[in-house]
Amino acid sequence: QTIVAEKNATLAEGQEPLVAENLTQEDVVTYILEKNP
């Protein structure tokens, strides 16, 4: 829910919104690494 809220808030017009249920543990780890460069 955290990732979807953040990512979807910055979508450009025409981009498909993220769906929370589609995100995996790998996606979460990737997000954490990207948020902490």
Full PDB file with SEQRES, HELIX, SHEET, SSBOND, CRYST1, ORIGX, SCALE, CONECT and MASTER records, all heavy atoms in Angstrom:
SEQRES   1 A   37  GLN THR ILE VAL ALA GLU LYS ASN ALA THR LEU ALA GLU          
SEQRES   2 A   37  GLY GLN GLU PRO LEU VAL ALA GLU ASN LEU THR GLN GLU          
SEQRES   3 A   37  ASP VAL VAL THR TYR ILE LEU GLU LYS ASN PRO                  
HELIX    1 AA1 THR A    2  ASN A    8  1                                   7    
HELIX    2 AA2 ALA A   20  ASN A   22  5                                   3    
HELIX    3 AA3 GLN A   25  LYS A   35  1                                  11    
CRYST1    1.000    1.000    1.000  90.00  90.00  90.00 P 1           1          
ORIGX1      1.000000  0.000000  0.000000        0.00000                         
ORIGX2      0.000000  1.000000  0.000000        0.00000                         
ORIGX3      0.000000  0.000000  1.000000        0.00000                         
SCALE1      1.000000  0.000000  0.000000        0.00000                         
SCALE2      0.000000  1.000000  0.000000        0.00000                         
SCALE3      0.000000  0.000000  1.000000        0.00000                         
ATOM      1  N   GLN A   1       0.827  -1.205   0.000  1.00  0.00           N  
ATOM      2  CA  GLN A   1       0.000   0.000   0.000  1.00  0.00           C  
ATOM      3  C   GLN A   1       0.864   1.260   0.000  1.00  0.00           C  
ATOM      4  O   GLN A   1       0.549   2.250  -0.675  1.00  0.00           O  
ATOM      5  CB  GLN A   1      -0.926  -0.008   1.223  1.00  0.00           C  
ATOM      6  CG  GLN A   1      -1.930  -1.149   1.260  1.00  0.00           C  
ATOM      7  CD  GLN A   1      -2.844  -1.161   0.044  1.00  0.00           C  
ATOM      8  OE1 GLN A   1      -3.218  -0.102  -0.488  1.00  0.00           O  
ATOM      9  NE2 GLN A   1      -3.221  -2.346  -0.407  1.00  0.00           N  
ATOM     10  N   THR A   2       1.954   1.232   0.737  1.00  0.00           N  
ATOM     11  CA  THR A   2       2.870   2.377   0.774  1.00  0.00           C  
ATOM     12  C   THR A   2       3.459   2.649  -0.601  1.00  0.00           C  
ATOM     13  O   THR A   2       3.495   3.799  -1.075  1.00  0.00           O  
ATOM     14  CB  THR A   2       4.006   2.119   1.779  1.00  0.00           C  
ATOM     15  OG1 THR A   2       3.451   1.960   3.088  1.00  0.00           O  
ATOM     16  CG2 THR A   2       5.001   3.260   1.785  1.00  0.00           C  
ATOM     17  N   ILE A   3       3.912   1.600  -1.252  1.00  0.00           N  
ATOM     18  CA  ILE A   3       4.541   1.749  -2.566  1.00  0.00           C  
ATOM     19  C   ILE A   3       3.537   2.238  -3.605  1.00  0.00           C  
ATOM     20  O   ILE A   3       3.817   3.150  -4.388  1.00  0.00           O  
ATOM     21  CB  ILE A   3       5.172   0.416  -3.010  1.00  0.00           C  
ATOM     22  CG1 ILE A   3       6.326   0.048  -2.076  1.00  0.00           C  
ATOM     23  CG2 ILE A   3       5.672   0.509  -4.457  1.00  0.00           C  
ATOM     24  CD1 ILE A   3       6.861  -1.363  -2.278  1.00  0.00           C  
ATOM     25  N   VAL A   4       2.365   1.633  -3.607  1.00  0.00           N  
ATOM     26  CA  VAL A   4       1.340   2.014  -4.583  1.00  0.00           C  
ATOM     27  C   VAL A   4       0.933   3.470  -4.402  1.00  0.00           C  
ATOM     28  O   VAL A   4       0.804   4.227  -5.379  1.00  0.00           O  
ATOM     29  CB  VAL A   4       0.118   1.077  -4.466  1.00  0.00           C  
ATOM     30  CG1 VAL A   4      -1.088   1.668  -5.189  1.00  0.00           C  
ATOM     31  CG2 VAL A   4       0.455  -0.289  -5.051  1.00  0.00           C  
ATOM     32  N   ALA A   5       0.720   3.884  -3.167  1.00  0.00           N  
ATOM     33  CA  ALA A   5       0.326   5.273  -2.913  1.00  0.00           C  
ATOM     34  C   ALA A   5       1.384   6.246  -3.414  1.00  0.00           C  
ATOM     35  O   ALA A   5       1.068   7.271  -4.029  1.00  0.00           O  
ATOM     36  CB  ALA A   5       0.069   5.477  -1.418  1.00  0.00           C  
ATOM     37  N   GLU A   6       2.636   5.939  -3.159  1.00  0.00           N  
ATOM     38  CA  GLU A   6       3.720   6.836  -3.569  1.00  0.00           C  
ATOM     39  C   GLU A   6       3.905   6.846  -5.085  1.00  0.00           C  
ATOM     40  O   GLU A   6       3.999   7.913  -5.699  1.00  0.00           O  
ATOM     41  CB  GLU A   6       5.021   6.407  -2.900  1.00  0.00           C  
ATOM     42  CG  GLU A   6       6.201   7.289  -3.273  1.00  0.00           C  
ATOM     43  CD  GLU A   6       7.470   6.866  -2.564  1.00  0.00           C  
ATOM     44  OE1 GLU A   6       7.415   6.665  -1.341  1.00  0.00           O  
ATOM     45  OE2 GLU A   6       8.497   6.728  -3.244  1.00  0.00           O  
ATOM     46  N   LYS A   7       3.953   5.681  -5.675  1.00  0.00           N  
ATOM     47  CA  LYS A   7       4.210   5.586  -7.114  1.00  0.00           C  
ATOM     48  C   LYS A   7       3.046   6.142  -7.936  1.00  0.00           C  
ATOM     49  O   LYS A   7       3.255   6.857  -8.925  1.00  0.00           O  
ATOM     50  CB  LYS A   7       4.474   4.133  -7.506  1.00  0.00           C  
ATOM     51  CG  LYS A   7       5.689   3.506  -6.853  1.00  0.00           C  
ATOM     52  CD  LYS A   7       6.971   3.985  -7.469  1.00  0.00           C  
ATOM     53  CE  LYS A   7       8.159   3.197  -6.950  1.00  0.00           C  
ATOM     54  NZ  LYS A   7       9.450   3.644  -7.513  1.00  0.00           N  
ATOM     55  N   ASN A   8       1.832   5.814  -7.531  1.00  0.00           N  
ATOM     56  CA  ASN A   8       0.675   6.262  -8.304  1.00  0.00           C  
ATOM     57  C   ASN A   8       0.465   7.767  -8.202  1.00  0.00           C  
ATOM     58  O   ASN A   8      -0.134   8.381  -9.092  1.00  0.00           O  
ATOM     59  CB  ASN A   8      -0.581   5.520  -7.863  1.00  0.00           C  
ATOM     60  CG  ASN A   8      -0.604   4.068  -8.347  1.00  0.00           C  
ATOM     61  OD1 ASN A   8       0.191   3.684  -9.212  1.00  0.00           O  
ATOM     62  ND2 ASN A   8      -1.509   3.277  -7.803  1.00  0.00           N  
ATOM     63  N   ALA A   9       0.966   8.372  -7.127  1.00  0.00           N  
ATOM     64  CA  ALA A   9       0.811   9.819  -6.968  1.00  0.00           C  
ATOM     65  C   ALA A   9       1.647  10.602  -7.974  1.00  0.00           C  
ATOM     66  O   ALA A   9       1.393  11.788  -8.205  1.00  0.00           O  
ATOM     67  CB  ALA A   9       1.188  10.230  -5.552  1.00  0.00           C  
ATOM     68  N   THR A  10       2.639   9.939  -8.561  1.00  0.00           N  
ATOM     69  CA  THR A  10       3.533  10.645  -9.485  1.00  0.00           C  
ATOM     70  C   THR A  10       3.414  10.133 -10.925  1.00  0.00           C  
ATOM     71  O   THR A  10       4.269  10.415 -11.758  1.00  0.00           O  
ATOM     72  CB  THR A  10       4.990  10.491  -9.023  1.00  0.00           C  
ATOM     73  OG1 THR A  10       5.345   9.098  -8.984  1.00  0.00           O  
ATOM     74  CG2 THR A  10       5.186  11.085  -7.636  1.00  0.00           C  
ATOM     75  N   LEU A  11       2.356   9.403 -11.225  1.00  0.00           N  
ATOM     76  CA  LEU A  11       2.180   8.873 -12.576  1.00  0.00           C  
ATOM     77  C   LEU A  11       1.930   9.994 -13.582  1.00  0.00           C  
ATOM     78  O   LEU A  11       1.210  10.951 -13.301  1.00  0.00           O  
ATOM     79  CB  LEU A  11       1.005   7.897 -12.617  1.00  0.00           C  
ATOM     80  CG  LEU A  11       1.182   6.518 -11.974  1.00  0.00           C  
ATOM     81  CD1 LEU A  11      -0.102   5.720 -12.090  1.00  0.00           C  
ATOM     82  CD2 LEU A  11       2.341   5.757 -12.604  1.00  0.00           C  
ATOM     83  N   ALA A  12       2.533   9.847 -14.734  1.00  0.00           N  
ATOM     84  CA  ALA A  12       2.247  10.770 -15.833  1.00  0.00           C  
ATOM     85  C   ALA A  12       0.926  10.381 -16.484  1.00  0.00           C  
ATOM     86  O   ALA A  12       0.455   9.251 -16.339  1.00  0.00           O  
ATOM     87  CB  ALA A  12       3.378  10.726 -16.857  1.00  0.00           C  
ATOM     88  N   GLU A  13       0.343  11.299 -17.179  1.00  0.00           N  
ATOM     89  CA  GLU A  13      -0.935  11.040 -17.837  1.00  0.00           C  
ATOM     90  C   GLU A  13      -0.792   9.865 -18.808  1.00  0.00           C  
ATOM     91  O   GLU A  13       0.139   9.791 -19.598  1.00  0.00           O  
ATOM     92  CB  GLU A  13      -1.394  12.281 -18.603  1.00  0.00           C  
ATOM     93  CG  GLU A  13      -2.778  12.137 -19.213  1.00  0.00           C  
ATOM     94  CD  GLU A  13      -3.249  13.421 -19.883  1.00  0.00           C  
ATOM     95  OE1 GLU A  13      -2.551  14.443 -19.745  1.00  0.00           O  
ATOM     96  OE2 GLU A  13      -4.305  13.383 -20.540  1.00  0.00           O  
ATOM     97  N   GLY A  14      -1.735   8.956 -18.709  1.00  0.00           N  
ATOM     98  CA  GLY A  14      -1.736   7.805 -19.595  1.00  0.00           C  
ATOM     99  C   GLY A  14      -1.033   6.588 -19.044  1.00  0.00           C  
ATOM    100  O   GLY A  14      -1.174   5.490 -19.603  1.00  0.00           O  
ATOM    101  N   GLN A  15      -0.251   6.743 -17.974  1.00  0.00           N  
ATOM    102  CA  GLN A  15       0.431   5.594 -17.386  1.00  0.00           C  
ATOM    103  C   GLN A  15      -0.528   4.754 -16.561  1.00  0.00           C  
ATOM    104  O   GLN A  15      -1.426   5.283 -15.896  1.00  0.00           O  
ATOM    105  CB  GLN A  15       1.592   6.053 -16.494  1.00  0.00           C  
ATOM    106  CG  GLN A  15       2.807   6.562 -17.245  1.00  0.00           C  
ATOM    107  CD  GLN A  15       3.949   6.877 -16.300  1.00  0.00           C  
ATOM    108  OE1 GLN A  15       3.795   7.646 -15.353  1.00  0.00           O  
ATOM    109  NE2 GLN A  15       5.108   6.289 -16.555  1.00  0.00           N  
ATOM    110  N   GLU A  16      -0.332   3.447 -16.602  1.00  0.00           N  
ATOM    111  CA  GLU A  16      -1.167   2.530 -15.838  1.00  0.00           C  
ATOM    112  C   GLU A  16      -0.798   2.581 -14.363  1.00  0.00           C  
ATOM    113  O   GLU A  16       0.388   2.511 -14.019  1.00  0.00           O  
ATOM    114  CB  GLU A  16      -1.002   1.105 -16.356  1.00  0.00           C  
ATOM    115  CG  GLU A  16      -1.624   0.844 -17.718  1.00  0.00           C  
ATOM    116  CD  GLU A  16      -3.143   0.860 -17.660  1.00  0.00           C  
ATOM    117  OE1 GLU A  16      -3.705   0.492 -16.599  1.00  0.00           O  
ATOM    118  OE2 GLU A  16      -3.756   1.254 -18.655  1.00  0.00           O  
ATOM    119  N   PRO A  17      -1.780   2.719 -13.487  1.00  0.00           N  
ATOM    120  CA  PRO A  17      -1.472   2.719 -12.048  1.00  0.00           C  
ATOM    121  C   PRO A  17      -1.028   1.344 -11.569  1.00  0.00           C  
ATOM    122  O   PRO A  17      -1.432   0.315 -12.127  1.00  0.00           O  
ATOM    123  CB  PRO A  17      -2.800   3.134 -11.401  1.00  0.00           C  
ATOM    124  CG  PRO A  17      -3.842   2.717 -12.388  1.00  0.00           C  
ATOM    125  CD  PRO A  17      -3.227   2.899 -13.743  1.00  0.00           C  
ATOM    126  N   LEU A  18      -0.207   1.345 -10.546  1.00  0.00           N  
ATOM    127  CA  LEU A  18       0.196   0.085  -9.937  1.00  0.00           C  
ATOM    128  C   LEU A  18      -0.964  -0.519  -9.157  1.00  0.00           C  
ATOM    129  O   LEU A  18      -1.815   0.203  -8.613  1.00  0.00           O  
ATOM    130  CB  LEU A  18       1.367   0.307  -8.972  1.00  0.00           C  
ATOM    131  CG  LEU A  18       2.725   0.671  -9.568  1.00  0.00           C  
ATOM    132  CD1 LEU A  18       3.716   0.908  -8.445  1.00  0.00           C  
ATOM    133  CD2 LEU A  18       3.224  -0.407 -10.504  1.00  0.00           C  
ATOM    134  N   VAL A  19      -0.988  -1.843  -9.091  1.00  0.00           N  
ATOM    135  CA  VAL A  19      -1.986  -2.570  -8.307  1.00  0.00           C  
ATOM    136  C   VAL A  19      -1.258  -3.263  -7.168  1.00  0.00           C  
ATOM    137  O   VAL A  19      -0.296  -4.011  -7.397  1.00  0.00           O  
ATOM    138  CB  VAL A  19      -2.734  -3.603  -9.172  1.00  0.00           C  
ATOM    139  CG1 VAL A  19      -3.725  -4.392  -8.324  1.00  0.00           C  
ATOM    140  CG2 VAL A  19      -3.431  -2.915 -10.338  1.00  0.00           C  
ATOM    141  N   ALA A  20      -1.670  -3.007  -5.943  1.00  0.00           N  
ATOM    142  CA  ALA A  20      -0.960  -3.498  -4.764  1.00  0.00           C  
ATOM    143  C   ALA A  20      -0.762  -5.007  -4.792  1.00  0.00           C  
ATOM    144  O   ALA A  20       0.331  -5.510  -4.489  1.00  0.00           O  
ATOM    145  CB  ALA A  20      -1.707  -3.081  -3.502  1.00  0.00           C  
ATOM    146  N   GLU A  21      -1.798  -5.737  -5.177  1.00  0.00           N  
ATOM    147  CA  GLU A  21      -1.733  -7.194  -5.137  1.00  0.00           C  
ATOM    148  C   GLU A  21      -0.708  -7.762  -6.106  1.00  0.00           C  
ATOM    149  O   GLU A  21      -0.293  -8.920  -5.975  1.00  0.00           O  
ATOM    150  CB  GLU A  21      -3.107  -7.796  -5.440  1.00  0.00           C  
ATOM    151  CG  GLU A  21      -4.140  -7.617  -4.336  1.00  0.00           C  
ATOM    152  CD  GLU A  21      -4.647  -6.174  -4.244  1.00  0.00           C  
ATOM    153  OE1 GLU A  21      -4.456  -5.413  -5.218  1.00  0.00           O  
ATOM    154  OE2 GLU A  21      -5.211  -5.827  -3.190  1.00  0.00           O  
ATOM    155  N   ASN A  22      -0.284  -6.977  -7.064  1.00  0.00           N  
ATOM    156  CA  ASN A  22       0.693  -7.462  -8.043  1.00  0.00           C  
ATOM    157  C   ASN A  22       2.134  -7.339  -7.568  1.00  0.00           C  
ATOM    158  O   ASN A  22       3.050  -7.893  -8.180  1.00  0.00           O  
ATOM    159  CB  ASN A  22       0.546  -6.698  -9.368  1.00  0.00           C  
ATOM    160  CG  ASN A  22      -0.769  -6.997 -10.074  1.00  0.00           C  
ATOM    161  OD1 ASN A  22      -1.405  -8.018  -9.794  1.00  0.00           O  
ATOM    162  ND2 ASN A  22      -1.182  -6.119 -10.966  1.00  0.00           N  
ATOM    163  N   LEU A  23       2.338  -6.600  -6.489  1.00  0.00           N  
ATOM    164  CA  LEU A  23       3.695  -6.389  -5.990  1.00  0.00           C  
ATOM    165  C   LEU A  23       4.173  -7.596  -5.189  1.00  0.00           C  
ATOM    166  O   LEU A  23       3.432  -8.174  -4.393  1.00  0.00           O  
ATOM    167  CB  LEU A  23       3.762  -5.137  -5.121  1.00  0.00           C  
ATOM    168  CG  LEU A  23       3.417  -3.820  -5.827  1.00  0.00           C  
ATOM    169  CD1 LEU A  23       3.515  -2.662  -4.845  1.00  0.00           C  
ATOM    170  CD2 LEU A  23       4.319  -3.584  -7.028  1.00  0.00           C  
ATOM    171  N   THR A  24       5.418  -7.973  -5.402  1.00  0.00           N  
ATOM    172  CA  THR A  24       6.015  -9.128  -4.738  1.00  0.00           C  
ATOM    173  C   THR A  24       7.013  -8.681  -3.667  1.00  0.00           C  
ATOM    174  O   THR A  24       7.332  -7.496  -3.545  1.00  0.00           O  
ATOM    175  CB  THR A  24       6.752  -9.996  -5.762  1.00  0.00           C  
ATOM    176  OG1 THR A  24       7.868  -9.247  -6.300  1.00  0.00           O  
ATOM    177  CG2 THR A  24       5.823 -10.407  -6.910  1.00  0.00           C  
ATOM    178  N   GLN A  25       7.514  -9.660  -2.910  1.00  0.00           N  
ATOM    179  CA  GLN A  25       8.560  -9.349  -1.937  1.00  0.00           C  
ATOM    180  C   GLN A  25       9.794  -8.768  -2.637  1.00  0.00           C  
ATOM    181  O   GLN A  25      10.451  -7.861  -2.109  1.00  0.00           O  
ATOM    182  CB  GLN A  25       8.966 -10.614  -1.165  1.00  0.00           C  
ATOM    183  CG  GLN A  25       7.885 -11.189  -0.260  1.00  0.00           C  
ATOM    184  CD  GLN A  25       7.738 -10.409   1.050  1.00  0.00           C  
ATOM    185  OE1 GLN A  25       8.101  -9.243   1.155  1.00  0.00           O  
ATOM    186  NE2 GLN A  25       7.185 -11.072   2.065  1.00  0.00           N  
ATOM    187  N   GLU A  26      10.089  -9.274  -3.823  1.00  0.00           N  
ATOM    188  CA  GLU A  26      11.225  -8.735  -4.589  1.00  0.00           C  
ATOM    189  C   GLU A  26      11.013  -7.259  -4.905  1.00  0.00           C  
ATOM    190  O   GLU A  26      11.958  -6.456  -4.849  1.00  0.00           O  
ATOM    191  CB  GLU A  26      11.426  -9.529  -5.876  1.00  0.00           C  
ATOM    192  CG  GLU A  26      12.006 -10.923  -5.679  1.00  0.00           C  
ATOM    193  CD  GLU A  26      10.966 -11.955  -5.284  1.00  0.00           C  
ATOM    194  OE1 GLU A  26       9.766 -11.596  -5.164  1.00  0.00           O  
ATOM    195  OE2 GLU A  26      11.348 -13.130  -5.089  1.00  0.00           O  
ATOM    196  N   ASP A  27       9.773  -6.901  -5.246  1.00  0.00           N  
ATOM    197  CA  ASP A  27       9.467  -5.503  -5.529  1.00  0.00           C  
ATOM    198  C   ASP A  27       9.690  -4.629  -4.295  1.00  0.00           C  
ATOM    199  O   ASP A  27      10.174  -3.494  -4.398  1.00  0.00           O  
ATOM    200  CB  ASP A  27       8.012  -5.358  -6.002  1.00  0.00           C  
ATOM    201  CG  ASP A  27       7.763  -6.017  -7.342  1.00  0.00           C  
ATOM    202  OD1 ASP A  27       8.662  -5.988  -8.202  1.00  0.00           O  
ATOM    203  OD2 ASP A  27       6.658  -6.570  -7.531  1.00  0.00           O  
ATOM    204  N   VAL A  28       9.323  -5.152  -3.134  1.00  0.00           N  
ATOM    205  CA  VAL A  28       9.488  -4.387  -1.895  1.00  0.00           C  
ATOM    206  C   VAL A  28      10.968  -4.177  -1.590  1.00  0.00           C  
ATOM    207  O   VAL A  28      11.394  -3.067  -1.249  1.00  0.00           O  
ATOM    208  CB  VAL A  28       8.794  -5.099  -0.719  1.00  0.00           C  
ATOM    209  CG1 VAL A  28       9.142  -4.403   0.601  1.00  0.00           C  
ATOM    210  CG2 VAL A  28       7.283  -5.120  -0.919  1.00  0.00           C  
ATOM    211  N   VAL A  29      11.768  -5.227  -1.723  1.00  0.00           N  
ATOM    212  CA  VAL A  29      13.201  -5.091  -1.470  1.00  0.00           C  
ATOM    213  C   VAL A  29      13.813  -4.091  -2.448  1.00  0.00           C  
ATOM    214  O   VAL A  29      14.619  -3.226  -2.061  1.00  0.00           O  
ATOM    215  CB  VAL A  29      13.905  -6.456  -1.576  1.00  0.00           C  
ATOM    216  CG1 VAL A  29      15.425  -6.288  -1.467  1.00  0.00           C  
ATOM    217  CG2 VAL A  29      13.407  -7.410  -0.494  1.00  0.00           C  
ATOM    218  N   THR A  30      13.427  -4.175  -3.708  1.00  0.00           N  
ATOM    219  CA  THR A  30      13.922  -3.234  -4.712  1.00  0.00           C  
ATOM    220  C   THR A  30      13.553  -1.798  -4.347  1.00  0.00           C  
ATOM    221  O   THR A  30      14.385  -0.880  -4.450  1.00  0.00           O  
ATOM    222  CB  THR A  30      13.354  -3.580  -6.101  1.00  0.00           C  
ATOM    223  OG1 THR A  30      13.769  -4.899  -6.455  1.00  0.00           O  
ATOM    224  CG2 THR A  30      13.832  -2.596  -7.156  1.00  0.00           C  
ATOM    225  N   TYR A  31      12.332  -1.600  -3.911  1.00  0.00           N  
ATOM    226  CA  TYR A  31      11.860  -0.271  -3.497  1.00  0.00           C  
ATOM    227  C   TYR A  31      12.699   0.273  -2.337  1.00  0.00           C  
ATOM    228  O   TYR A  31      13.115   1.439  -2.341  1.00  0.00           O  
ATOM    229  CB  TYR A  31      10.393  -0.365  -3.088  1.00  0.00           C  
ATOM    230  CG  TYR A  31       9.834   0.851  -2.407  1.00  0.00           C  
ATOM    231  CD1 TYR A  31       9.390   1.946  -3.135  1.00  0.00           C  
ATOM    232  CD2 TYR A  31       9.723   0.895  -1.016  1.00  0.00           C  
ATOM    233  CE1 TYR A  31       8.855   3.066  -2.500  1.00  0.00           C  
ATOM    234  CE2 TYR A  31       9.198   2.003  -0.372  1.00  0.00           C  
ATOM    235  CZ  TYR A  31       8.773   3.091  -1.114  1.00  0.00           C  
ATOM    236  OH  TYR A  31       8.260   4.199  -0.479  1.00  0.00           O  
ATOM    237  N   ILE A  32      12.975  -0.574  -1.346  1.00  0.00           N  
ATOM    238  CA  ILE A  32      13.758  -0.146  -0.191  1.00  0.00           C  
ATOM    239  C   ILE A  32      15.176   0.251  -0.612  1.00  0.00           C  
ATOM    240  O   ILE A  32      15.720   1.263  -0.146  1.00  0.00           O  
ATOM    241  CB  ILE A  32      13.795  -1.259   0.874  1.00  0.00           C  
ATOM    242  CG1 ILE A  32      12.394  -1.413   1.500  1.00  0.00           C  
ATOM    243  CG2 ILE A  32      14.832  -0.957   1.961  1.00  0.00           C  
ATOM    244  CD1 ILE A  32      12.242  -2.624   2.390  1.00  0.00           C  
ATOM    245  N   LEU A  33      15.759  -0.508  -1.507  1.00  0.00           N  
ATOM    246  CA  LEU A  33      17.096  -0.164  -1.999  1.00  0.00           C  
ATOM    247  C   LEU A  33      17.080   1.156  -2.757  1.00  0.00           C  
ATOM    248  O   LEU A  33      17.983   1.987  -2.605  1.00  0.00           O  
ATOM    249  CB  LEU A  33      17.630  -1.278  -2.896  1.00  0.00           C  
ATOM    250  CG  LEU A  33      17.863  -2.644  -2.241  1.00  0.00           C  
ATOM    251  CD1 LEU A  33      18.410  -3.633  -3.264  1.00  0.00           C  
ATOM    252  CD2 LEU A  33      18.800  -2.538  -1.051  1.00  0.00           C  
ATOM    253  N   GLU A  34      16.056   1.370  -3.562  1.00  0.00           N  
ATOM    254  CA  GLU A  34      15.956   2.614  -4.334  1.00  0.00           C  
ATOM    255  C   GLU A  34      15.712   3.818  -3.434  1.00  0.00           C  
ATOM    256  O   GLU A  34      16.206   4.921  -3.697  1.00  0.00           O  
ATOM    257  CB  GLU A  34      14.828   2.499  -5.359  1.00  0.00           C  
ATOM    258  CG  GLU A  34      15.129   1.521  -6.491  1.00  0.00           C  
ATOM    259  CD  GLU A  34      13.933   1.319  -7.411  1.00  0.00           C  
ATOM    260  OE1 GLU A  34      12.819   1.784  -7.047  1.00  0.00           O  
ATOM    261  OE2 GLU A  34      14.103   0.691  -8.470  1.00  0.00           O  
ATOM    262  N   LYS A  35      14.957   3.620  -2.348  1.00  0.00           N  
ATOM    263  CA  LYS A  35      14.649   4.720  -1.422  1.00  0.00           C  
ATOM    264  C   LYS A  35      15.847   5.094  -0.548  1.00  0.00           C  
ATOM    265  O   LYS A  35      15.853   6.159   0.063  1.00  0.00           O  
ATOM    266  CB  LYS A  35      13.477   4.328  -0.517  1.00  0.00           C  
ATOM    267  CG  LYS A  35      12.136   4.275  -1.217  1.00  0.00           C  
ATOM    268  CD  LYS A  35      11.596   5.665  -1.521  1.00  0.00           C  
ATOM    269  CE  LYS A  35      11.156   6.382  -0.274  1.00  0.00           C  
ATOM    270  NZ  LYS A  35      10.550   7.709  -0.581  1.00  0.00           N  
ATOM    271  N   ASN A  36      16.826   4.230  -0.496  1.00  0.00           N  
ATOM    272  CA  ASN A  36      17.989   4.468   0.363  1.00  0.00           C  
ATOM    273  C   ASN A  36      19.268   4.328  -0.460  1.00  0.00           C  
ATOM    274  O   ASN A  36      20.020   3.351  -0.319  1.00  0.00           O  
ATOM    275  CB  ASN A  36      17.975   3.477   1.529  1.00  0.00           C  
ATOM    276  CG  ASN A  36      16.756   3.643   2.417  1.00  0.00           C  
ATOM    277  OD1 ASN A  36      16.672   4.555   3.216  1.00  0.00           O  
ATOM    278  ND2 ASN A  36      15.782   2.754   2.241  1.00  0.00           N  
ATOM    279  N   PRO A  37      19.557   5.301  -1.305  1.00  0.00           N  
ATOM    280  CA  PRO A  37      20.690   5.186  -2.234  1.00  0.00           C  
ATOM    281  C   PRO A  37      22.056   5.221  -1.556  1.00  0.00           C  
ATOM    282  O   PRO A  37      23.059   4.884  -2.194  1.00  0.00           O  
ATOM    283  CB  PRO A  37      20.506   6.399  -3.151  1.00  0.00           C  
ATOM    284  CG  PRO A  37      19.748   7.387  -2.321  1.00  0.00           C  
ATOM    285  CD  PRO A  37      18.808   6.565  -1.493  1.00  0.00           C  
TER     286      PRO A  37                                                      
MASTER        0    0    0    3    0    0    0    6  285    1    0    3          
END                                                                             
